[in-house]
Amino acid sequence: FSPKNGQLKQEDPARELSYKNFTADGSFSLYKNLAKVEDRGT
């Protein structure tokens, strides 16, 4: 994400992670409806 253009670029859509409007409450959190074994990691 770059505030210069205000666009958030998704680099890895295969992970099916989504985001919400973080400018509302200070959240930069990511979400997924159902976790998979492939989601393990850092």
PDB file of all heavy atoms in Angstrom:
ATOM      1  N   PHE A   1       0.850  -1.202   0.000  1.00  0.00           N
ATOM      2  CA  PHE A   1       0.000   0.000   0.000  1.00  0.00           C
ATOM      3  C   PHE A   1       0.879   1.243   0.000  1.00  0.00           C
ATOM      4  O   PHE A   1       1.855   1.338   0.749  1.00  0.00           O
ATOM      5  CB  PHE A   1      -0.906   0.001   1.233  1.00  0.00           C
ATOM      6  CG  PHE A   1      -1.703   1.269   1.405  1.00  0.00           C
ATOM      7  CD1 PHE A   1      -2.789   1.541   0.586  1.00  0.00           C
ATOM      8  CD2 PHE A   1      -1.354   2.188   2.378  1.00  0.00           C
ATOM      9  CE1 PHE A   1      -3.521   2.709   0.742  1.00  0.00           C
ATOM     10  CE2 PHE A   1      -2.075   3.362   2.544  1.00  0.00           C
ATOM     11  CZ  PHE A   1      -3.163   3.624   1.718  1.00  0.00           C
ATOM     12  N   SER A   2       0.531   2.199  -0.846  1.00  0.00           N
ATOM     13  CA  SER A   2       1.237   3.473  -0.900  1.00  0.00           C
ATOM     14  C   SER A   2       0.220   4.606  -0.763  1.00  0.00           C
ATOM     15  O   SER A   2      -0.682   4.736  -1.604  1.00  0.00           O
ATOM     16  CB  SER A   2       1.996   3.603  -2.223  1.00  0.00           C
ATOM     17  OG  SER A   2       2.590   4.886  -2.311  1.00  0.00           O
ATOM     18  N   PRO A   3       0.347   5.413   0.291  1.00  0.00           N
ATOM     19  CA  PRO A   3      -0.602   6.515   0.480  1.00  0.00           C
ATOM     20  C   PRO A   3      -0.549   7.559  -0.632  1.00  0.00           C
ATOM     21  O   PRO A   3      -1.471   8.351  -0.777  1.00  0.00           O
ATOM     22  CB  PRO A   3      -0.164   7.128   1.821  1.00  0.00           C
ATOM     23  CG  PRO A   3       0.621   6.067   2.498  1.00  0.00           C
ATOM     24  CD  PRO A   3       1.292   5.314   1.404  1.00  0.00           C
ATOM     25  N   LYS A   4       0.529   7.546  -1.426  1.00  0.00           N
ATOM     26  CA  LYS A   4       0.643   8.539  -2.490  1.00  0.00           C
ATOM     27  C   LYS A   4      -0.512   8.419  -3.480  1.00  0.00           C
ATOM     28  O   LYS A   4      -1.113   9.404  -3.883  1.00  0.00           O
ATOM     29  CB  LYS A   4       1.973   8.359  -3.223  1.00  0.00           C
ATOM     30  CG  LYS A   4       3.185   8.747  -2.392  1.00  0.00           C
ATOM     31  CD  LYS A   4       4.462   8.552  -3.188  1.00  0.00           C
ATOM     32  CE  LYS A   4       5.689   8.931  -2.362  1.00  0.00           C
ATOM     33  NZ  LYS A   4       6.953   8.708  -3.121  1.00  0.00           N
ATOM     34  N   ASN A   5      -0.795   7.158  -3.885  1.00  0.00           N
ATOM     35  CA  ASN A   5      -1.894   6.953  -4.817  1.00  0.00           C
ATOM     36  C   ASN A   5      -3.137   6.365  -4.149  1.00  0.00           C
ATOM     37  O   ASN A   5      -4.187   6.254  -4.775  1.00  0.00           O
ATOM     38  CB  ASN A   5      -1.455   6.037  -5.979  1.00  0.00           C
ATOM     39  CG  ASN A   5      -0.812   4.751  -5.476  1.00  0.00           C
ATOM     40  OD1 ASN A   5      -1.157   4.234  -4.424  1.00  0.00           O
ATOM     41  ND2 ASN A   5       0.149   4.238  -6.237  1.00  0.00           N
ATOM     42  N   GLY A   6      -2.999   5.982  -2.868  1.00  0.00           N
ATOM     43  CA  GLY A   6      -4.147   5.478  -2.115  1.00  0.00           C
ATOM     44  C   GLY A   6      -4.620   4.108  -2.555  1.00  0.00           C
ATOM     45  O   GLY A   6      -5.717   3.678  -2.182  1.00  0.00           O
ATOM     46  N   GLN A   7      -3.812   3.376  -3.319  1.00  0.00           N
ATOM     47  CA  GLN A   7      -4.208   2.070  -3.815  1.00  0.00           C
ATOM     48  C   GLN A   7      -3.495   0.960  -3.063  1.00  0.00           C
ATOM     49  O   GLN A   7      -2.313   1.053  -2.771  1.00  0.00           O
ATOM     50  CB  GLN A   7      -3.899   1.954  -5.314  1.00  0.00           C
ATOM     51  CG  GLN A   7      -4.754   2.868  -6.177  1.00  0.00           C
ATOM     52  CD  GLN A   7      -4.457   2.680  -7.656  1.00  0.00           C
ATOM     53  OE1 GLN A   7      -3.510   1.989  -8.016  1.00  0.00           O
ATOM     54  NE2 GLN A   7      -5.261   3.299  -8.508  1.00  0.00           N
ATOM     55  N   LEU A   8      -4.251  -0.100  -2.790  1.00  0.00           N
ATOM     56  CA  LEU A   8      -3.690  -1.278  -2.137  1.00  0.00           C
ATOM     57  C   LEU A   8      -3.586  -2.381  -3.183  1.00  0.00           C
ATOM     58  O   LEU A   8      -4.593  -2.809  -3.756  1.00  0.00           O
ATOM     59  CB  LEU A   8      -4.568  -1.699  -0.964  1.00  0.00           C
ATOM     60  CG  LEU A   8      -3.954  -2.721  -0.001  1.00  0.00           C
ATOM     61  CD1 LEU A   8      -4.462  -2.481   1.407  1.00  0.00           C
ATOM     62  CD2 LEU A   8      -4.265  -4.144  -0.415  1.00  0.00           C
ATOM     63  N   LYS A   9      -2.359  -2.837  -3.443  1.00  0.00           N
ATOM     64  CA  LYS A   9      -2.105  -3.813  -4.493  1.00  0.00           C
ATOM     65  C   LYS A   9      -1.996  -5.212  -3.909  1.00  0.00           C
ATOM     66  O   LYS A   9      -1.236  -5.461  -2.979  1.00  0.00           O
ATOM     67  CB  LYS A   9      -0.806  -3.445  -5.216  1.00  0.00           C
ATOM     68  CG  LYS A   9      -0.522  -4.321  -6.428  1.00  0.00           C
ATOM     69  CD  LYS A   9       0.752  -3.860  -7.113  1.00  0.00           C
ATOM     70  CE  LYS A   9       1.065  -4.734  -8.324  1.00  0.00           C
ATOM     71  NZ  LYS A   9       2.328  -4.318  -8.976  1.00  0.00           N
ATOM     72  N   GLN A  10      -2.778  -6.134  -4.478  1.00  0.00           N
ATOM     73  CA  GLN A  10      -2.742  -7.524  -4.024  1.00  0.00           C
ATOM     74  C   GLN A  10      -1.727  -8.291  -4.859  1.00  0.00           C
ATOM     75  O   GLN A  10      -1.877  -8.457  -6.072  1.00  0.00           O
ATOM     76  CB  GLN A  10      -4.127  -8.169  -4.145  1.00  0.00           C
ATOM     77  CG  GLN A  10      -4.224  -9.537  -3.495  1.00  0.00           C
ATOM     78  CD  GLN A  10      -5.654 -10.046  -3.420  1.00  0.00           C
ATOM     79  OE1 GLN A  10      -6.537  -9.520  -4.087  1.00  0.00           O
ATOM     80  NE2 GLN A  10      -5.896 -11.054  -2.612  1.00  0.00           N
ATOM     81  N   GLU A  11      -0.658  -8.769  -4.195  1.00  0.00           N
ATOM     82  CA  GLU A  11       0.436  -9.431  -4.890  1.00  0.00           C
ATOM     83  C   GLU A  11       0.232 -10.939  -5.005  1.00  0.00           C
ATOM     84  O   GLU A  11       0.765 -11.579  -5.901  1.00  0.00           O
ATOM     85  CB  GLU A  11       1.762  -9.151  -4.162  1.00  0.00           C
ATOM     86  CG  GLU A  11       2.073  -7.677  -3.953  1.00  0.00           C
ATOM     87  CD  GLU A  11       2.585  -7.006  -5.209  1.00  0.00           C
ATOM     88  OE1 GLU A  11       2.820  -7.709  -6.204  1.00  0.00           O
ATOM     89  OE2 GLU A  11       2.747  -5.763  -5.194  1.00  0.00           O
ATOM     90  N   ASP A  12      -0.517 -11.529  -4.060  1.00  0.00           N
ATOM     91  CA  ASP A  12      -0.685 -12.985  -4.021  1.00  0.00           C
ATOM     92  C   ASP A  12      -2.159 -13.327  -3.799  1.00  0.00           C
ATOM     93  O   ASP A  12      -2.565 -13.716  -2.702  1.00  0.00           O
ATOM     94  CB  ASP A  12       0.182 -13.569  -2.901  1.00  0.00           C
ATOM     95  CG  ASP A  12       0.252 -15.098  -2.952  1.00  0.00           C
ATOM     96  OD1 ASP A  12      -0.361 -15.684  -3.865  1.00  0.00           O
ATOM     97  OD2 ASP A  12       0.915 -15.692  -2.088  1.00  0.00           O
ATOM     98  N   PRO A  13      -2.990 -13.205  -4.853  1.00  0.00           N
ATOM     99  CA  PRO A  13      -4.431 -13.461  -4.703  1.00  0.00           C
ATOM    100  C   PRO A  13      -4.761 -14.913  -4.378  1.00  0.00           C
ATOM    101  O   PRO A  13      -5.844 -15.210  -3.865  1.00  0.00           O
ATOM    102  CB  PRO A  13      -5.002 -13.061  -6.072  1.00  0.00           C
ATOM    103  CG  PRO A  13      -3.850 -13.135  -7.017  1.00  0.00           C
ATOM    104  CD  PRO A  13      -2.636 -12.790  -6.221  1.00  0.00           C
ATOM    105  N   ALA A  14      -3.833 -15.833  -4.668  1.00  0.00           N
ATOM    106  CA  ALA A  14      -4.093 -17.253  -4.421  1.00  0.00           C
ATOM    107  C   ALA A  14      -4.288 -17.547  -2.937  1.00  0.00           C
ATOM    108  O   ALA A  14      -4.895 -18.552  -2.578  1.00  0.00           O
ATOM    109  CB  ALA A  14      -2.953 -18.093  -4.981  1.00  0.00           C
ATOM    110  N   ARG A  15      -3.790 -16.695  -2.063  1.00  0.00           N
ATOM    111  CA  ARG A  15      -3.925 -16.926  -0.621  1.00  0.00           C
ATOM    112  C   ARG A  15      -5.316 -16.567  -0.108  1.00  0.00           C
ATOM    113  O   ARG A  15      -5.645 -16.858   1.051  1.00  0.00           O
ATOM    114  CB  ARG A  15      -2.871 -16.143   0.159  1.00  0.00           C
ATOM    115  CG  ARG A  15      -1.481 -16.702  -0.042  1.00  0.00           C
ATOM    116  CD  ARG A  15      -0.508 -16.260   1.015  1.00  0.00           C
ATOM    117  NE  ARG A  15       0.687 -17.071   0.918  1.00  0.00           N
ATOM    118  CZ  ARG A  15       0.882 -18.218   1.557  1.00  0.00           C
ATOM    119  NH1 ARG A  15      -0.042 -18.667   2.365  1.00  0.00           N
ATOM    120  NH2 ARG A  15       2.001 -18.901   1.405  1.00  0.00           N
ATOM    121  N   GLU A  16      -6.101 -15.905  -0.911  1.00  0.00           N
ATOM    122  CA  GLU A  16      -7.504 -15.596  -0.603  1.00  0.00           C
ATOM    123  C   GLU A  16      -7.660 -14.766   0.666  1.00  0.00           C
ATOM    124  O   GLU A  16      -8.668 -14.850   1.355  1.00  0.00           O
ATOM    125  CB  GLU A  16      -8.317 -16.897  -0.472  1.00  0.00           C
ATOM    126  CG  GLU A  16      -8.295 -17.744  -1.737  1.00  0.00           C
ATOM    127  CD  GLU A  16      -9.015 -19.066  -1.559  1.00  0.00           C
ATOM    128  OE1 GLU A  16      -9.454 -19.351  -0.424  1.00  0.00           O
ATOM    129  OE2 GLU A  16      -9.137 -19.813  -2.540  1.00  0.00           O
ATOM    130  N   LEU A  17      -6.644 -13.969   0.999  1.00  0.00           N
ATOM    131  CA  LEU A  17      -6.724 -13.082   2.155  1.00  0.00           C
ATOM    132  C   LEU A  17      -7.368 -11.763   1.744  1.00  0.00           C
ATOM    133  O   LEU A  17      -7.136 -11.256   0.645  1.00  0.00           O
ATOM    134  CB  LEU A  17      -5.339 -12.822   2.733  1.00  0.00           C
ATOM    135  CG  LEU A  17      -4.697 -14.004   3.477  1.00  0.00           C
ATOM    136  CD1 LEU A  17      -3.214 -13.760   3.674  1.00  0.00           C
ATOM    137  CD2 LEU A  17      -5.382 -14.224   4.816  1.00  0.00           C
ATOM    138  N   SER A  18      -8.192 -11.213   2.628  1.00  0.00           N
ATOM    139  CA  SER A  18      -8.866  -9.949   2.341  1.00  0.00           C
ATOM    140  C   SER A  18      -8.577  -8.953   3.445  1.00  0.00           C
ATOM    141  O   SER A  18      -8.046  -9.306   4.498  1.00  0.00           O
ATOM    142  CB  SER A  18     -10.376 -10.164   2.212  1.00  0.00           C
ATOM    143  OG  SER A  18     -10.914 -10.679   3.427  1.00  0.00           O
ATOM    144  N   TYR A  19      -8.925  -7.693   3.241  1.00  0.00           N
ATOM    145  CA  TYR A  19      -8.679  -6.631   4.205  1.00  0.00           C
ATOM    146  C   TYR A  19      -9.933  -5.779   4.337  1.00  0.00           C
ATOM    147  O   TYR A  19     -10.828  -5.818   3.491  1.00  0.00           O
ATOM    148  CB  TYR A  19      -7.507  -5.753   3.755  1.00  0.00           C
ATOM    149  CG  TYR A  19      -7.751  -5.065   2.420  1.00  0.00           C
ATOM    150  CD1 TYR A  19      -8.302  -3.796   2.361  1.00  0.00           C
ATOM    151  CD2 TYR A  19      -7.454  -5.721   1.237  1.00  0.00           C
ATOM    152  CE1 TYR A  19      -8.548  -3.186   1.151  1.00  0.00           C
ATOM    153  CE2 TYR A  19      -7.689  -5.116   0.017  1.00  0.00           C
ATOM    154  CZ  TYR A  19      -8.238  -3.848  -0.022  1.00  0.00           C
ATOM    155  OH  TYR A  19      -8.482  -3.255  -1.217  1.00  0.00           O
ATOM    156  N   LYS A  20      -9.984  -5.007   5.411  1.00  0.00           N
ATOM    157  CA  LYS A  20     -11.093  -4.091   5.634  1.00  0.00           C
ATOM    158  C   LYS A  20     -10.562  -2.656   5.599  1.00  0.00           C
ATOM    159  O   LYS A  20      -9.374  -2.423   5.401  1.00  0.00           O
ATOM    160  CB  LYS A  20     -11.784  -4.397   6.959  1.00  0.00           C
ATOM    161  CG  LYS A  20     -12.469  -5.756   6.983  1.00  0.00           C
ATOM    162  CD  LYS A  20     -13.202  -6.001   8.289  1.00  0.00           C
ATOM    163  CE  LYS A  20     -13.890  -7.367   8.279  1.00  0.00           C
ATOM    164  NZ  LYS A  20     -14.605  -7.632   9.554  1.00  0.00           N
ATOM    165  N   ASN A  21     -11.450  -1.700   5.815  1.00  0.00           N
ATOM    166  CA  ASN A  21     -11.055  -0.291   5.788  1.00  0.00           C
ATOM    167  C   ASN A  21     -10.268   0.055   7.041  1.00  0.00           C
ATOM    168  O   ASN A  21     -10.825   0.447   8.058  1.00  0.00           O
ATOM    169  CB  ASN A  21     -12.305   0.591   5.676  1.00  0.00           C
ATOM    170  CG  ASN A  21     -11.941   2.051   5.530  1.00  0.00           C
ATOM    171  OD1 ASN A  21     -10.781   2.390   5.280  1.00  0.00           O
ATOM    172  ND2 ASN A  21     -12.919   2.915   5.682  1.00  0.00           N
ATOM    173  N   PHE A  22      -8.936  -0.123   6.972  1.00  0.00           N
ATOM    174  CA  PHE A  22      -8.112   0.077   8.170  1.00  0.00           C
ATOM    175  C   PHE A  22      -8.016   1.530   8.605  1.00  0.00           C
ATOM    176  O   PHE A  22      -7.611   1.825   9.720  1.00  0.00           O
ATOM    177  CB  PHE A  22      -6.706  -0.494   7.962  1.00  0.00           C
ATOM    178  CG  PHE A  22      -6.014  -0.033   6.717  1.00  0.00           C
ATOM    179  CD1 PHE A  22      -5.469   1.234   6.627  1.00  0.00           C
ATOM    180  CD2 PHE A  22      -5.916  -0.882   5.632  1.00  0.00           C
ATOM    181  CE1 PHE A  22      -4.827   1.643   5.478  1.00  0.00           C
ATOM    182  CE2 PHE A  22      -5.278  -0.473   4.479  1.00  0.00           C
ATOM    183  CZ  PHE A  22      -4.736   0.784   4.397  1.00  0.00           C
ATOM    184  N   THR A  23      -8.373   2.481   7.748  1.00  0.00           N
ATOM    185  CA  THR A  23      -8.305   3.881   8.155  1.00  0.00           C
ATOM    186  C   THR A  23      -9.372   4.227   9.173  1.00  0.00           C
ATOM    187  O   THR A  23      -9.372   5.310   9.741  1.00  0.00           O
ATOM    188  CB  THR A  23      -8.461   4.807   6.935  1.00  0.00           C
ATOM    189  OG1 THR A  23      -9.704   4.514   6.294  1.00  0.00           O
ATOM    190  CG2 THR A  23      -7.332   4.613   5.950  1.00  0.00           C
ATOM    191  N   ALA A  24     -10.292   3.296   9.441  1.00  0.00           N
ATOM    192  CA  ALA A  24     -11.394   3.586  10.369  1.00  0.00           C
ATOM    193  C   ALA A  24     -11.001   3.376  11.825  1.00  0.00           C
ATOM    194  O   ALA A  24     -11.332   4.163  12.697  1.00  0.00           O
ATOM    195  CB  ALA A  24     -12.609   2.727  10.028  1.00  0.00           C
ATOM    196  N   ASP A  25     -10.284   2.284  12.112  1.00  0.00           N
ATOM    197  CA  ASP A  25     -10.002   1.976  13.523  1.00  0.00           C
ATOM    198  C   ASP A  25      -8.560   1.556  13.772  1.00  0.00           C
ATOM    199  O   ASP A  25      -8.259   0.923  14.772  1.00  0.00           O
ATOM    200  CB  ASP A  25     -10.948   0.877  14.016  1.00  0.00           C
ATOM    201  CG  ASP A  25     -10.807  -0.407  13.206  1.00  0.00           C
ATOM    202  OD1 ASP A  25     -10.023  -0.410  12.238  1.00  0.00           O
ATOM    203  OD2 ASP A  25     -11.467  -1.400  13.554  1.00  0.00           O
ATOM    204  N   GLY A  26      -7.663   1.883  12.875  1.00  0.00           N
ATOM    205  CA  GLY A  26      -6.258   1.558  13.094  1.00  0.00           C
ATOM    206  C   GLY A  26      -5.910   0.115  12.838  1.00  0.00           C
ATOM    207  O   GLY A  26      -4.872  -0.363  13.282  1.00  0.00           O
ATOM    208  N   SER A  27      -6.767  -0.610  12.121  1.00  0.00           N
ATOM    209  CA  SER A  27      -6.530  -2.027  11.878  1.00  0.00           C
ATOM    210  C   SER A  27      -5.924  -2.254  10.499  1.00  0.00           C
ATOM    211  O   SER A  27      -6.436  -1.775   9.489  1.00  0.00           O
ATOM    212  CB  SER A  27      -7.842  -2.808  12.001  1.00  0.00           C
ATOM    213  OG  SER A  27      -7.641  -4.155  11.646  1.00  0.00           O
ATOM    214  N   PHE A  28      -4.818  -2.993  10.477  1.00  0.00           N
ATOM    215  CA  PHE A  28      -4.191  -3.416   9.236  1.00  0.00           C
ATOM    216  C   PHE A  28      -4.363  -4.932   9.096  1.00  0.00           C
ATOM    217  O   PHE A  28      -3.563  -5.598   8.445  1.00  0.00           O
ATOM    218  CB  PHE A  28      -2.703  -3.057   9.243  1.00  0.00           C
ATOM    219  CG  PHE A  28      -2.428  -1.581   9.130  1.00  0.00           C
ATOM    220  CD1 PHE A  28      -2.642  -0.733  10.199  1.00  0.00           C
ATOM    221  CD2 PHE A  28      -1.967  -1.037   7.944  1.00  0.00           C
ATOM    222  CE1 PHE A  28      -2.393   0.623  10.099  1.00  0.00           C
ATOM    223  CE2 PHE A  28      -1.710   0.316   7.831  1.00  0.00           C
ATOM    224  CZ  PHE A  28      -1.925   1.158   8.915  1.00  0.00           C
ATOM    225  N   SER A  29      -5.390  -5.468   9.733  1.00  0.00           N
ATOM    226  CA  SER A  29      -5.588  -6.912   9.820  1.00  0.00           C
ATOM    227  C   SER A  29      -6.023  -7.512   8.490  1.00  0.00           C
ATOM    228  O   SER A  29      -6.643  -6.850   7.653  1.00  0.00           O
ATOM    229  CB  SER A  29      -6.637  -7.225  10.896  1.00  0.00           C
ATOM    230  OG  SER A  29      -6.263  -6.687  12.141  1.00  0.00           O
ATOM    231  N   LEU A  30      -5.694  -8.799   8.318  1.00  0.00           N
ATOM    232  CA  LEU A  30      -6.100  -9.568   7.148  1.00  0.00           C
ATOM    233  C   LEU A  30      -7.002 -10.713   7.597  1.00  0.00           C
ATOM    234  O   LEU A  30      -6.880 -11.211   8.719  1.00  0.00           O
ATOM    235  CB  LEU A  30      -4.876 -10.115   6.412  1.00  0.00           C
ATOM    236  CG  LEU A  30      -3.877  -9.077   5.893  1.00  0.00           C
ATOM    237  CD1 LEU A  30      -2.709  -9.780   5.203  1.00  0.00           C
ATOM    238  CD2 LEU A  30      -4.543  -8.086   4.944  1.00  0.00           C
ATOM    239  N   TYR A  31      -7.908 -11.136   6.677  1.00  0.00           N
ATOM    240  CA  TYR A  31      -8.906 -12.138   7.045  1.00  0.00           C
ATOM    241  C   TYR A  31      -9.050 -13.186   5.950  1.00  0.00           C
ATOM    242  O   TYR A  31      -8.745 -12.949   4.784  1.00  0.00           O
ATOM    243  CB  TYR A  31     -10.272 -11.469   7.278  1.00  0.00           C
ATOM    244  CG  TYR A  31     -10.249 -10.346   8.275  1.00  0.00           C
ATOM    245  CD1 TYR A  31     -10.024  -9.035   7.863  1.00  0.00           C
ATOM    246  CD2 TYR A  31     -10.447 -10.585   9.626  1.00  0.00           C
ATOM    247  CE1 TYR A  31      -9.993  -7.998   8.773  1.00  0.00           C
ATOM    248  CE2 TYR A  31     -10.415  -9.557  10.545  1.00  0.00           C
ATOM    249  CZ  TYR A  31     -10.191  -8.263  10.112  1.00  0.00           C
ATOM    250  OH  TYR A  31     -10.159  -7.237  11.022  1.00  0.00           O
ATOM    251  N   LYS A  32      -9.557 -14.361   6.365  1.00  0.00           N
ATOM    252  CA  LYS A  32      -9.864 -15.442   5.437  1.00  0.00           C
ATOM    253  C   LYS A  32     -11.019 -16.250   6.021  1.00  0.00           C
ATOM    254  O   LYS A  32     -11.033 -16.534   7.227  1.00  0.00           O
ATOM    255  CB  LYS A  32      -8.628 -16.329   5.233  1.00  0.00           C
ATOM    256  CG  LYS A  32      -8.774 -17.340   4.114  1.00  0.00           C
ATOM    257  CD  LYS A  32      -7.462 -18.075   3.908  1.00  0.00           C
ATOM    258  CE  LYS A  32      -7.559 -19.023   2.734  1.00  0.00           C
ATOM    259  NZ  LYS A  32      -6.269 -19.716   2.497  1.00  0.00           N
ATOM    260  N   ASN A  33     -11.977 -16.632   5.163  1.00  0.00           N
ATOM    261  CA  ASN A  33     -13.181 -17.307   5.660  1.00  0.00           C
ATOM    262  C   ASN A  33     -12.891 -18.658   6.295  1.00  0.00           C
ATOM    263  O   ASN A  33     -13.505 -19.028   7.294  1.00  0.00           O
ATOM    264  CB  ASN A  33     -14.199 -17.477   4.521  1.00  0.00           C
ATOM    265  CG  ASN A  33     -14.780 -16.145   4.083  1.00  0.00           C
ATOM    266  OD1 ASN A  33     -14.863 -15.203   4.873  1.00  0.00           O
ATOM    267  ND2 ASN A  33     -15.181 -16.059   2.823  1.00  0.00           N
ATOM    268  N   LEU A  34     -11.970 -19.415   5.699  1.00  0.00           N
ATOM    269  CA  LEU A  34     -11.650 -20.740   6.243  1.00  0.00           C
ATOM    270  C   LEU A  34     -10.155 -20.994   6.062  1.00  0.00           C
ATOM    271  O   LEU A  34      -9.615 -20.900   4.960  1.00  0.00           O
ATOM    272  CB  LEU A  34     -12.451 -21.827   5.523  1.00  0.00           C
ATOM    273  CG  LEU A  34     -12.483 -23.202   6.183  1.00  0.00           C
ATOM    274  CD1 LEU A  34     -13.168 -23.135   7.548  1.00  0.00           C
ATOM    275  CD2 LEU A  34     -13.192 -24.212   5.294  1.00  0.00           C
ATOM    276  N   ALA A  35      -9.502 -21.305   7.179  1.00  0.00           N
ATOM    277  CA  ALA A  35      -8.055 -21.516   7.148  1.00  0.00           C
ATOM    278  C   ALA A  35      -7.709 -22.842   6.488  1.00  0.00           C
ATOM    279  O   ALA A  35      -8.478 -23.808   6.526  1.00  0.00           O
ATOM    280  CB  ALA A  35      -7.496 -21.480   8.565  1.00  0.00           C
ATOM    281  N   LYS A  36      -6.540 -22.865   5.875  1.00  0.00           N
ATOM    282  CA  LYS A  36      -6.025 -24.082   5.258  1.00  0.00           C
ATOM    283  C   LYS A  36      -4.644 -24.403   5.834  1.00  0.00           C
ATOM    284  O   LYS A  36      -3.992 -23.534   6.418  1.00  0.00           O
ATOM    285  CB  LYS A  36      -5.919 -23.912   3.735  1.00  0.00           C
ATOM    286  CG  LYS A  36      -7.244 -23.689   3.032  1.00  0.00           C
ATOM    287  CD  LYS A  36      -7.025 -23.539   1.531  1.00  0.00           C
ATOM    288  CE  LYS A  36      -8.341 -23.309   0.801  1.00  0.00           C
ATOM    289  NZ  LYS A  36      -8.131 -23.131  -0.656  1.00  0.00           N
ATOM    290  N   VAL A  37      -4.213 -25.645   5.616  1.00  0.00           N
ATOM    291  CA  VAL A  37      -2.886 -26.049   6.072  1.00  0.00           C
ATOM    292  C   VAL A  37      -1.813 -25.191   5.417  1.00  0.00           C
ATOM    293  O   VAL A  37      -0.788 -24.864   6.026  1.00  0.00           O
ATOM    294  CB  VAL A  37      -2.660 -27.544   5.768  1.00  0.00           C
ATOM    295  CG1 VAL A  37      -1.216 -27.941   6.064  1.00  0.00           C
ATOM    296  CG2 VAL A  37      -3.607 -28.408   6.580  1.00  0.00           C
ATOM    297  N   GLU A  38      -2.065 -24.773   4.175  1.00  0.00           N
ATOM    298  CA  GLU A  38      -1.094 -23.953   3.439  1.00  0.00           C
ATOM    299  C   GLU A  38      -0.918 -22.567   4.045  1.00  0.00           C
ATOM    300  O   GLU A  38       0.030 -21.847   3.686  1.00  0.00           O
ATOM    301  CB  GLU A  38      -1.530 -23.815   1.973  1.00  0.00           C
ATOM    302  CG  GLU A  38      -1.503 -25.108   1.180  1.00  0.00           C
ATOM    303  CD  GLU A  38      -2.704 -26.003   1.462  1.00  0.00           C
ATOM    304  OE1 GLU A  38      -3.655 -25.516   2.121  1.00  0.00           O
ATOM    305  OE2 GLU A  38      -2.676 -27.178   1.048  1.00  0.00           O
ATOM    306  N   ASP A  39      -1.811 -22.165   4.950  1.00  0.00           N
ATOM    307  CA  ASP A  39      -1.716 -20.840   5.574  1.00  0.00           C
ATOM    308  C   ASP A  39      -0.717 -20.807   6.726  1.00  0.00           C
ATOM    309  O   ASP A  39      -0.441 -19.735   7.280  1.00  0.00           O
ATOM    310  CB  ASP A  39      -3.085 -20.387   6.086  1.00  0.00           C
ATOM    311  CG  ASP A  39      -4.082 -20.190   4.952  1.00  0.00           C
ATOM    312  OD1 ASP A  39      -3.655 -19.703   3.890  1.00  0.00           O
ATOM    313  OD2 ASP A  39      -5.267 -20.525   5.124  1.00  0.00           O
ATOM    314  N   ARG A  40      -0.176 -21.946   7.113  1.00  0.00           N
ATOM    315  CA  ARG A  40       0.827 -21.972   8.177  1.00  0.00           C
ATOM    316  C   ARG A  40       2.065 -21.193   7.749  1.00  0.00           C
ATOM    317  O   ARG A  40       2.494 -21.263   6.603  1.00  0.00           O
ATOM    318  CB  ARG A  40       1.227 -23.411   8.499  1.00  0.00           C
ATOM    319  CG  ARG A  40       0.129 -24.258   9.113  1.00  0.00           C
ATOM    320  CD  ARG A  40       0.533 -25.713   9.146  1.00  0.00           C
ATOM    321  NE  ARG A  40      -0.480 -26.559   9.781  1.00  0.00           N
ATOM    322  CZ  ARG A  40      -0.498 -27.891   9.694  1.00  0.00           C
ATOM    323  NH1 ARG A  40       0.457 -28.521   9.019  1.00  0.00           N
ATOM    324  NH2 ARG A  40      -1.464 -28.587  10.298  1.00  0.00           N
ATOM    325  N   GLY A  41       2.609 -20.414   8.691  1.00  0.00           N
ATOM    326  CA  GLY A  41       3.814 -19.659   8.368  1.00  0.00           C
ATOM    327  C   GLY A  41       3.965 -18.425   9.232  1.00  0.00           C
ATOM    328  O   GLY A  41       3.244 -18.228  10.213  1.00  0.00           O
ATOM    329  N   THR A  42       4.919 -17.579   8.861  1.00  0.00           N
ATOM    330  CA  THR A  42       5.218 -16.345   9.592  1.00  0.00           C
ATOM    331  C   THR A  42       4.797 -15.151   8.743  1.00  0.00           C
ATOM    332  O   THR A  42       5.254 -15.004   7.603  1.00  0.00           O
ATOM    333  CB  THR A  42       6.723 -16.258   9.903  1.00  0.00           C
ATOM    334  OG1 THR A  42       7.114 -17.408  10.654  1.00  0.00           O
ATOM    335  CG2 THR A  42       7.037 -15.005  10.713  1.00  0.00           C
TER     336      THR A  42
END
